[in-house]
PDB file of N, CA and C in Angstrom:
ATOM      1  N   MET A   1       2.168 104.762  20.111  1.00  0.00           N
ATOM      2  CA  MET A   1       1.958 106.039  19.578  1.00  0.00           C
ATOM      3  C   MET A   1       0.709 105.999  18.288  1.00  0.00           C
ATOM      4  N   LYS A   2       0.912 105.432  17.498  1.00  0.00           N
ATOM      5  CA  LYS A   2       0.050 105.330  16.376  1.00  0.00           C
ATOM      6  C   LYS A   2      -1.254 104.375  16.675  1.00  0.00           C
ATOM      7  N   HIS A   3      -1.233 103.118  17.692  1.00  0.00           N
ATOM      8  CA  HIS A   3      -2.107 102.521  18.121  1.00  0.00           C
ATOM      9  C   HIS A   3      -2.914 103.566  18.925  1.00  0.00           C
ATOM     10  N   ASP A   4      -2.578 104.488  19.815  1.00  0.00           N
ATOM     11  CA  ASP A   4      -3.558 105.031  20.805  1.00  0.00           C
ATOM     12  C   ASP A   4      -4.455 105.585  20.134  1.00  0.00           C
ATOM     13  N   ASN A   5      -3.780 106.218  18.709  1.00  0.00           N
ATOM     14  CA  ASN A   5      -4.573 107.201  17.791  1.00  0.00           C
ATOM     15  C   ASN A   5      -5.405 106.502  17.521  1.00  0.00           C
ATOM     16  N   ILE A   6      -5.503 105.404  16.868  1.00  0.00           N
ATOM     17  CA  ILE A   6      -6.313 104.342  16.180  1.00  0.00           C
ATOM     18  C   ILE A   6      -7.558 104.111  17.203  1.00  0.00           C
ATOM     19  N   ASN A   7      -6.625 103.881  18.772  1.00  0.00           N
ATOM     20  CA  ASN A   7      -8.237 104.117  19.432  1.00  0.00           C
ATOM     21  C   ASN A   7      -8.963 105.280  20.238  1.00  0.00           C
ATOM     22  N   HIS A   8      -8.038 106.217  19.612  1.00  0.00           N
ATOM     23  CA  HIS A   8      -8.802 107.228  20.233  1.00  0.00           C
ATOM     24  C   HIS A   8      -9.387 107.489  18.935  1.00  0.00           C
ATOM     25  N   ALA A   9      -9.491 107.453  17.888  1.00  0.00           N
ATOM     26  CA  ALA A   9     -10.291 107.568  16.549  1.00  0.00           C
ATOM     27  C   ALA A   9     -11.531 106.401  16.942  1.00  0.00           C
ATOM     28  N   LYS A  10     -11.302 105.585  17.004  1.00  0.00           N
ATOM     29  CA  LYS A  10     -11.931 104.645  17.289  1.00  0.00           C
ATOM     30  C   LYS A  10     -13.119 104.877  18.438  1.00  0.00           C
ATOM     31  N   TRP A  11     -13.172 105.392  19.757  1.00  0.00           N
ATOM     32  CA  TRP A  11     -13.358 106.074  20.976  1.00  0.00           C
ATOM     33  C   TRP A  11     -14.763 106.953  20.323  1.00  0.00           C
ATOM     34  N   LEU A  12     -13.888 108.193  19.469  1.00  0.00           N
ATOM     35  CA  LEU A  12     -14.520 109.282  19.242  1.00  0.00           C
ATOM     36  C   LEU A  12     -15.629 108.689  18.029  1.00  0.00           C
ATOM     37  N   ARG A  13     -15.352 107.843  16.899  1.00  0.00           N
ATOM     38  CA  ARG A  13     -16.435 107.274  16.414  1.00  0.00           C
ATOM     39  C   ARG A  13     -17.403 106.753  16.839  1.00  0.00           C
ATOM     40  N   GLU A  14     -17.496 105.884  17.954  1.00  0.00           N
ATOM     41  CA  GLU A  14     -18.207 105.376  18.621  1.00  0.00           C
ATOM     42  C   GLU A  14     -19.069 106.590  19.497  1.00  0.00           C
ATOM     43  N   GLU A  15     -18.465 107.208  19.806  1.00  0.00           N
ATOM     44  CA  GLU A  15     -19.227 108.553  21.211  1.00  0.00           C
ATOM     45  C   GLU A  15     -20.262 109.146  20.023  1.00  0.00           C
ATOM     46  N   GLN A  16     -19.280 109.529  18.895  1.00  0.00           N
ATOM     47  CA  GLN A  16     -20.288 110.285  17.402  1.00  0.00           C
ATOM     48  C   GLN A  16     -21.672 109.476  17.442  1.00  0.00           C
ATOM     49  N   GLY A  17     -21.568 108.301  17.258  1.00  0.00           N
ATOM     50  CA  GLY A  17     -23.162 107.301  17.004  1.00  0.00           C
ATOM     51  C   GLY A  17     -23.549 107.412  17.803  1.00  0.00           C
ATOM     52  N   GLU A  18     -23.099 107.258  18.955  1.00  0.00           N
ATOM     53  CA  GLU A  18     -24.273 106.793  20.504  1.00  0.00           C
ATOM     54  C   GLU A  18     -24.828 108.521  20.435  1.00  0.00           C
ATOM     55  N   THR A  19     -24.191 109.217  20.418  1.00  0.00           N
ATOM     56  CA  THR A  19     -24.775 111.165  20.172  1.00  0.00           C
ATOM     57  C   THR A  19     -25.811 111.080  19.194  1.00  0.00           C
ATOM     58  N   ALA A  20     -25.658 110.558  17.812  1.00  0.00           N
ATOM     59  CA  ALA A  20     -26.394 110.791  16.754  1.00  0.00           C
ATOM     60  C   ALA A  20     -27.814 110.008  17.338  1.00  0.00           C
ATOM     61  N   ARG A  21     -27.696 108.867  17.575  1.00  0.00           N
ATOM     62  CA  ARG A  21     -28.463 107.796  17.732  1.00  0.00           C
ATOM     63  C   ARG A  21     -29.256 108.655  18.605  1.00  0.00           C
ATOM     64  N   GLU A  22     -28.980 108.663  20.021  1.00  0.00           N
ATOM     65  CA  GLU A  22     -29.679 109.312  21.062  1.00  0.00           C
ATOM     66  C   GLU A  22     -30.391 111.126  20.486  1.00  0.00           C
ATOM     67  N   LEU A  23     -29.766 111.876  19.787  1.00  0.00           N
ATOM     68  CA  LEU A  23     -30.236 112.983  19.396  1.00  0.00           C
ATOM     69  C   LEU A  23     -31.509 112.919  18.545  1.00  0.00           C
ATOM     70  N   ALA A  24     -31.229 111.882  17.459  1.00  0.00           N
ATOM     71  CA  ALA A  24     -32.011 111.563  16.335  1.00  0.00           C
ATOM     72  C   ALA A  24     -33.652 110.878  17.205  1.00  0.00           C
ATOM     73  N   GLU A  25     -33.334 109.985  18.401  1.00  0.00           N
ATOM     74  CA  GLU A  25     -34.601 109.398  19.432  1.00  0.00           C
ATOM     75  C   GLU A  25     -35.312 110.906  19.655  1.00  0.00           C
ATOM     76  N   VAL A  26     -34.264 111.927  20.530  1.00  0.00           N
ATOM     77  CA  VAL A  26     -34.415 113.083  21.199  1.00  0.00           C
ATOM     78  C   VAL A  26     -35.900 114.088  20.005  1.00  0.00           C
ATOM     79  N   MET A  27     -35.143 114.094  18.869  1.00  0.00           N
ATOM     80  CA  MET A  27     -36.172 114.748  17.873  1.00  0.00           C
ATOM     81  C   MET A  27     -37.468 114.124  17.439  1.00  0.00           C
ATOM     82  N   ARG A  28     -37.343 112.706  17.196  1.00  0.00           N
ATOM     83  CA  ARG A  28     -38.756 111.765  16.884  1.00  0.00           C
ATOM     84  C   ARG A  28     -39.775 112.495  18.841  1.00  0.00           C
ATOM     85  N   LEU A  29     -39.094 111.699  19.606  1.00  0.00           N
ATOM     86  CA  LEU A  29     -40.031 112.786  20.847  1.00  0.00           C
ATOM     87  C   LEU A  29     -40.630 114.074  20.412  1.00  0.00           C
ATOM     88  N   ALA A  30     -39.606 114.646  20.082  1.00  0.00           N
ATOM     89  CA  ALA A  30     -40.211 116.274  19.771  1.00  0.00           C
ATOM     90  C   ALA A  30     -41.084 116.397  19.125  1.00  0.00           C
ATOM     91  N   GLN A  31     -41.149 116.249  18.179  1.00  0.00           N
ATOM     92  CA  GLN A  31     -41.848 115.558  16.886  1.00  0.00           C
ATOM     93  C   GLN A  31     -43.314 115.176  17.550  1.00  0.00           C
ATOM     94  N   GLU A  32     -43.096 114.244  18.049  1.00  0.00           N
ATOM     95  CA  GLU A  32     -44.615 113.647  18.560  1.00  0.00           C
ATOM     96  C   GLU A  32     -45.175 114.251  19.389  1.00  0.00           C
ATOM     97  N   MET A  33     -44.967 115.144  20.474  1.00  0.00           N
ATOM     98  CA  MET A  33     -44.922 116.380  21.040  1.00  0.00           C
ATOM     99  C   MET A  33     -45.545 117.260  20.430  1.00  0.00           C
ATOM    100  N   GLY A  34     -44.491 117.757  19.597  1.00  0.00           N
ATOM    101  CA  GLY A  34     -45.269 119.378  18.463  1.00  0.00           C
ATOM    102  C   GLY A  34     -46.735 118.487  17.647  1.00  0.00           C
ATOM    103  N   ARG A  35     -46.862 117.077  17.705  1.00  0.00           N
ATOM    104  CA  ARG A  35     -47.985 116.929  17.021  1.00  0.00           C
ATOM    105  C   ARG A  35     -48.803 116.826  17.640  1.00  0.00           C
ATOM    106  N   ARG A  36     -48.729 116.339  18.763  1.00  0.00           N
ATOM    107  CA  ARG A  36     -49.872 116.782  20.020  1.00  0.00           C
ATOM    108  C   ARG A  36     -50.187 118.175  19.813  1.00  0.00           C
ATOM    109  N   LEU A  37     -49.429 119.056  20.414  1.00  0.00           N
ATOM    110  CA  LEU A  37     -49.531 120.036  20.198  1.00  0.00           C
ATOM    111  C   LEU A  37     -50.347 120.812  19.065  1.00  0.00           C
ATOM    112  N   CYS A  38     -50.041 120.566  17.939  1.00  0.00           N
ATOM    113  CA  CYS A  38     -50.474 121.110  17.000  1.00  0.00           C
ATOM    114  C   CYS A  38     -52.270 120.567  16.717  1.00  0.00           C
ATOM    115  N   ASN A  39     -52.558 119.429  17.501  1.00  0.00           N
ATOM    116  CA  ASN A  39     -53.703 118.698  17.513  1.00  0.00           C
ATOM    117  C   ASN A  39     -54.643 119.748  18.737  1.00  0.00           C
ATOM    118  N   GLU A  40     -53.991 119.676  19.234  1.00  0.00           N
ATOM    119  CA  GLU A  40     -54.654 120.756  20.602  1.00  0.00           C
ATOM    120  C   GLU A  40     -54.734 122.274  20.433  1.00  0.00           C
ATOM    121  N   THR A  41     -54.295 122.988  19.498  1.00  0.00           N
ATOM    122  CA  THR A  41     -54.313 123.929  19.320  1.00  0.00           C
ATOM    123  C   THR A  41     -55.092 125.045  18.063  1.00  0.00           C
ATOM    124  N   HIS A  42     -55.340 125.766  18.400  1.00  0.00           N
ATOM    125  CA  HIS A  42     -56.407 126.785  17.183  1.00  0.00           C
ATOM    126  C   HIS A  42     -56.092 128.198  17.687  1.00  0.00           C
ATOM    127  N   GLY A  43     -56.817 128.674  16.853  1.00  0.00           N
ATOM    128  CA  GLY A  43     -57.220 130.155  16.949  1.00  0.00           C
ATOM    129  C   GLY A  43     -55.361 130.582  16.330  1.00  0.00           C
ATOM    130  N   GLU A  44     -55.460 132.001  17.065  1.00  0.00           N
ATOM    131  CA  GLU A  44     -53.779 132.771  16.694  1.00  0.00           C
ATOM    132  C   GLU A  44     -52.834 131.708  16.416  1.00  0.00           C
ATOM    133  N   MET A  45     -52.651 131.405  17.794  1.00  0.00           N
ATOM    134  CA  MET A  45     -50.995 130.495  17.744  1.00  0.00           C
ATOM    135  C   MET A  45     -51.302 129.174  16.821  1.00  0.00           C
ATOM    136  N   TYR A  46     -52.062 129.001  15.803  1.00  0.00           N
ATOM    137  CA  TYR A  46     -51.688 127.667  15.083  1.00  0.00           C
ATOM    138  C   TYR A  46     -50.880 127.818  14.266  1.00  0.00           C
ATOM    139  N   ASP A  47     -50.887 128.874  13.679  1.00  0.00           N
ATOM    140  CA  ASP A  47     -49.798 129.795  12.696  1.00  0.00           C
ATOM    141  C   ASP A  47     -48.397 128.871  13.303  1.00  0.00           C
ATOM    142  N   GLU A  48     -48.460 129.585  14.688  1.00  0.00           N
ATOM    143  CA  GLU A  48     -47.362 129.764  15.467  1.00  0.00           C
ATOM    144  C   GLU A  48     -46.500 128.033  15.561  1.00  0.00           C
ATOM    145  N   VAL A  49     -47.775 127.183  15.737  1.00  0.00           N
ATOM    146  CA  VAL A  49     -47.542 125.706  16.192  1.00  0.00           C
ATOM    147  C   VAL A  49     -46.995 124.735  14.726  1.00  0.00           C
ATOM    148  N   ARG A  50     -47.657 125.373  13.645  1.00  0.00           N
ATOM    149  CA  ARG A  50     -47.373 125.201  12.544  1.00  0.00           C
ATOM    150  C   ARG A  50     -45.860 125.293  12.266  1.00  0.00           C
ATOM    151  N   LEU A  51     -45.256 126.018  12.130  1.00  0.00           N
ATOM    152  CA  LEU A  51     -44.331 126.598  12.008  1.00  0.00           C
ATOM    153  C   LEU A  51     -43.362 125.795  12.941  1.00  0.00           C
ATOM    154  N   LEU A  52     -43.371 125.558  14.306  1.00  0.00           N
ATOM    155  CA  LEU A  52     -42.426 124.803  14.844  1.00  0.00           C
ATOM    156  C   LEU A  52     -42.543 123.858  14.216  1.00  0.00           C
ATOM    157  N   MET A  53     -43.806 122.757  13.983  1.00  0.00           N
ATOM    158  CA  MET A  53     -43.822 121.763  13.686  1.00  0.00           C
ATOM    159  C   MET A  53     -42.796 121.208  12.015  1.00  0.00           C
ATOM    160  N   SER A  54     -42.846 122.583  11.491  1.00  0.00           N
ATOM    161  CA  SER A  54     -42.178 122.406  10.086  1.00  0.00           C
ATOM    162  C   SER A  54     -40.721 122.252  10.698  1.00  0.00           C
ATOM    163  N   LEU A  55     -40.076 123.180  11.364  1.00  0.00           N
ATOM    164  CA  LEU A  55     -38.654 123.198  11.730  1.00  0.00           C
ATOM    165  C   LEU A  55     -38.516 122.335  12.236  1.00  0.00           C
ATOM    166  N   LEU A  56     -39.363 121.406  13.728  1.00  0.00           N
ATOM    167  CA  LEU A  56     -39.110 120.045  13.803  1.00  0.00           C
ATOM    168  C   LEU A  56     -38.910 119.320  13.147  1.00  0.00           C
ATOM    169  N   HIS A  57     -39.617 119.174  11.881  1.00  0.00           N
ATOM    170  CA  HIS A  57     -39.407 118.058  10.716  1.00  0.00           C
ATOM    171  C   HIS A  57     -38.136 118.038  10.045  1.00  0.00           C
ATOM    172  N   GLN A  58     -38.017 119.407   9.718  1.00  0.00           N
ATOM    173  CA  GLN A  58     -36.667 119.383   8.882  1.00  0.00           C
ATOM    174  C   GLN A  58     -35.197 118.748   9.848  1.00  0.00           C
ATOM    175  N   THR A  59     -35.828 119.362  11.171  1.00  0.00           N
ATOM    176  CA  THR A  59     -34.620 118.729  12.382  1.00  0.00           C
ATOM    177  C   THR A  59     -34.542 117.393  12.029  1.00  0.00           C
ATOM    178  N   ARG A  60     -35.449 116.982  12.633  1.00  0.00           N
ATOM    179  CA  ARG A  60     -35.778 115.080  12.770  1.00  0.00           C
ATOM    180  C   ARG A  60     -35.044 114.687  11.447  1.00  0.00           C
ATOM    181  N   ALA A  61     -34.951 115.460  10.258  1.00  0.00           N
ATOM    182  CA  ALA A  61     -34.894 114.969   8.856  1.00  0.00           C
ATOM    183  C   ALA A  61     -33.179 114.733   8.889  1.00  0.00           C
ATOM    184  N   GLN A  62     -32.642 115.819   9.795  1.00  0.00           N
ATOM    185  CA  GLN A  62     -30.905 116.028   9.665  1.00  0.00           C
ATOM    186  C   GLN A  62     -30.458 115.218  10.638  1.00  0.00           C
ATOM    187  N   ALA A  63     -31.244 115.043  11.628  1.00  0.00           N
ATOM    188  CA  ALA A  63     -30.675 113.770  12.840  1.00  0.00           C
ATOM    189  C   ALA A  63     -30.675 112.536  12.587  1.00  0.00           C
ATOM    190  N   ASP A  64     -31.665 112.461  11.601  1.00  0.00           N
ATOM    191  CA  ASP A  64     -32.061 110.823  11.292  1.00  0.00           C
ATOM    192  C   ASP A  64     -30.971 110.923  10.375  1.00  0.00           C
ATOM    193  N   LEU A  65     -30.342 111.592   9.411  1.00  0.00           N
ATOM    194  CA  LEU A  65     -29.545 111.566   8.393  1.00  0.00           C
ATOM    195  C   LEU A  65     -27.878 111.089   8.826  1.00  0.00           C
ATOM    196  N   ILE A  66     -27.996 111.982   9.921  1.00  0.00           N
ATOM    197  CA  ILE A  66     -26.389 112.163  10.310  1.00  0.00           C
ATOM    198  C   ILE A  66     -26.490 110.625  11.410  1.00  0.00           C
ATOM    199  N   ASP A  67     -27.550 110.122  11.617  1.00  0.00           N
ATOM    200  CA  ASP A  67     -27.469 108.817  12.596  1.00  0.00           C
ATOM    201  C   ASP A  67     -27.246 108.034  11.497  1.00  0.00           C
ATOM    202  N   ALA A  68     -27.735 108.072  10.480  1.00  0.00           N
ATOM    203  CA  ALA A  68     -27.931 106.963   9.540  1.00  0.00           C
ATOM    204  C   ALA A  68     -26.470 106.768   8.892  1.00  0.00           C
ATOM    205  N   GLN A  69     -25.730 108.068   8.956  1.00  0.00           N
ATOM    206  CA  GLN A  69     -24.478 107.854   8.159  1.00  0.00           C
ATOM    207  C   GLN A  69     -23.548 106.975   9.290  1.00  0.00           C
ATOM    208  N   LEU A  70     -23.350 107.888  10.318  1.00  0.00           N
ATOM    209  CA  LEU A  70     -22.900 107.204  11.179  1.00  0.00           C
ATOM    210  C   LEU A  70     -23.236 106.006  11.957  1.00  0.00           C
ATOM    211  N   ASN A  71     -24.011 105.477  11.703  1.00  0.00           N
ATOM    212  CA  ASN A  71     -24.767 104.303  12.373  1.00  0.00           C
ATOM    213  C   ASN A  71     -25.254 103.279  11.766  1.00  0.00           C
ATOM    214  N   SER A  72     -25.031 103.313  10.664  1.00  0.00           N
ATOM    215  CA  SER A  72     -25.403 102.137   9.280  1.00  0.00           C
ATOM    216  C   SER A  72     -25.037 102.193   8.401  1.00  0.00           C
ATOM    217  N   ALA A  73     -24.080 100.697   7.943  1.00  0.00           N
ATOM    218  CA  ALA A  73     -24.154 100.389   7.007  1.00  0.00           C
ATOM    219  C   ALA A  73     -24.472 100.297   5.709  1.00  0.00           C
ATOM    220  N   ASP A  74     -25.698 100.395   5.397  1.00  0.00           N
ATOM    221  CA  ASP A  74     -26.440 100.911   4.378  1.00  0.00           C
ATOM    222  C   ASP A  74     -27.174 102.056   5.017  1.00  0.00           C
ATOM    223  N   PRO A  75     -26.591 103.697   4.613  1.00  0.00           N
ATOM    224  CA  PRO A  75     -27.302 104.636   5.000  1.00  0.00           C
ATOM    225  C   PRO A  75     -28.744 104.605   4.761  1.00  0.00           C
ATOM    226  N   ILE A  76     -28.792 104.427   3.206  1.00  0.00           N
ATOM    227  CA  ILE A  76     -29.874 105.175   2.422  1.00  0.00           C
ATOM    228  C   ILE A  76     -31.049 104.068   2.406  1.00  0.00           C
ATOM    229  N   ALA A  77     -30.676 103.270   2.669  1.00  0.00           N
ATOM    230  CA  ALA A  77     -32.220 102.198   2.961  1.00  0.00           C
ATOM    231  C   ALA A  77     -32.571 101.923   4.414  1.00  0.00           C
ATOM    232  N   ASP A  78     -31.373 102.223   4.854  1.00  0.00           N
ATOM    233  CA  ASP A  78     -31.585 102.902   6.826  1.00  0.00           C
ATOM    234  C   ASP A  78     -32.690 104.234   6.468  1.00  0.00           C
ATOM    235  N   LEU A  79     -32.585 105.264   5.678  1.00  0.00           N
ATOM    236  CA  LEU A  79     -33.387 106.137   5.745  1.00  0.00           C
ATOM    237  C   LEU A  79     -34.893 106.122   5.556  1.00  0.00           C
ATOM    238  N   LEU A  80     -34.716 104.934   4.381  1.00  0.00           N
ATOM    239  CA  LEU A  80     -35.778 104.881   3.908  1.00  0.00           C
ATOM    240  C   LEU A  80     -36.770 103.891   4.569  1.00  0.00           C
ATOM    241  N   GLN A  81     -36.354 102.865   5.210  1.00  0.00           N
ATOM    242  CA  GLN A  81     -37.074 102.464   5.851  1.00  0.00           C
ATOM    243  C   GLN A  81     -37.367 102.973   7.546  1.00  0.00           C
ATOM    244  N   ARG A  82     -36.871 104.193   7.869  1.00  0.00           N
ATOM    245  CA  ARG A  82     -36.840 105.150   8.904  1.00  0.00           C
ATOM    246  C   ARG A  82     -38.498 105.701   8.500  1.00  0.00           C
ATOM    247  N   ARG A  83     -38.458 106.166   7.129  1.00  0.00           N
ATOM    248  CA  ARG A  83     -39.731 107.183   6.661  1.00  0.00           C
ATOM    249  C   ARG A  83     -40.496 106.613   5.951  1.00  0.00           C
ATOM    250  N   GLN A  84     -40.612 105.102   5.977  1.00  0.00           N
ATOM    251  CA  GLN A  84     -41.675 104.345   5.816  1.00  0.00           C
ATOM    252  C   GLN A  84     -42.238 103.801   6.715  1.00  0.00           C
ATOM    253  N   SER A  85     -41.432 103.341   7.928  1.00  0.00           N
ATOM    254  CA  SER A  85     -42.201 103.352   9.209  1.00  0.00           C
ATOM    255  C   SER A  85     -43.088 104.302  10.089  1.00  0.00           C
ATOM    256  N   ARG A  86     -42.667 106.074   9.997  1.00  0.00           N
ATOM    257  CA  ARG A  86     -43.641 106.812  10.015  1.00  0.00           C
ATOM    258  C   ARG A  86     -44.890 107.084   9.311  1.00  0.00           C
ATOM    259  N   GLN A  87     -44.690 106.825   8.077  1.00  0.00           N
ATOM    260  CA  GLN A  87     -46.188 106.656   7.549  1.00  0.00           C
ATOM    261  C   GLN A  87     -47.373 105.827   8.081  1.00  0.00           C
TER     262      GLN A  87
END
């Protein structure tokens, strides 16, 4: 019985890691699309698009944090590398 619990916990951790990795990638793509929209938007909608970009940035940062915590042996180094690669 204990062996089954360990296997279930390992499986759950792997699923969490995979989901976090996929979500971080989706957020990266959403942020890229938001940047395109921001570059294409002028006038009265510009403030709305900037708000969206701010929210996407915050959401991606949180998704990256969760992904790093679940999938990296050194989450802090991983996060720093991700942020440097964006610049």
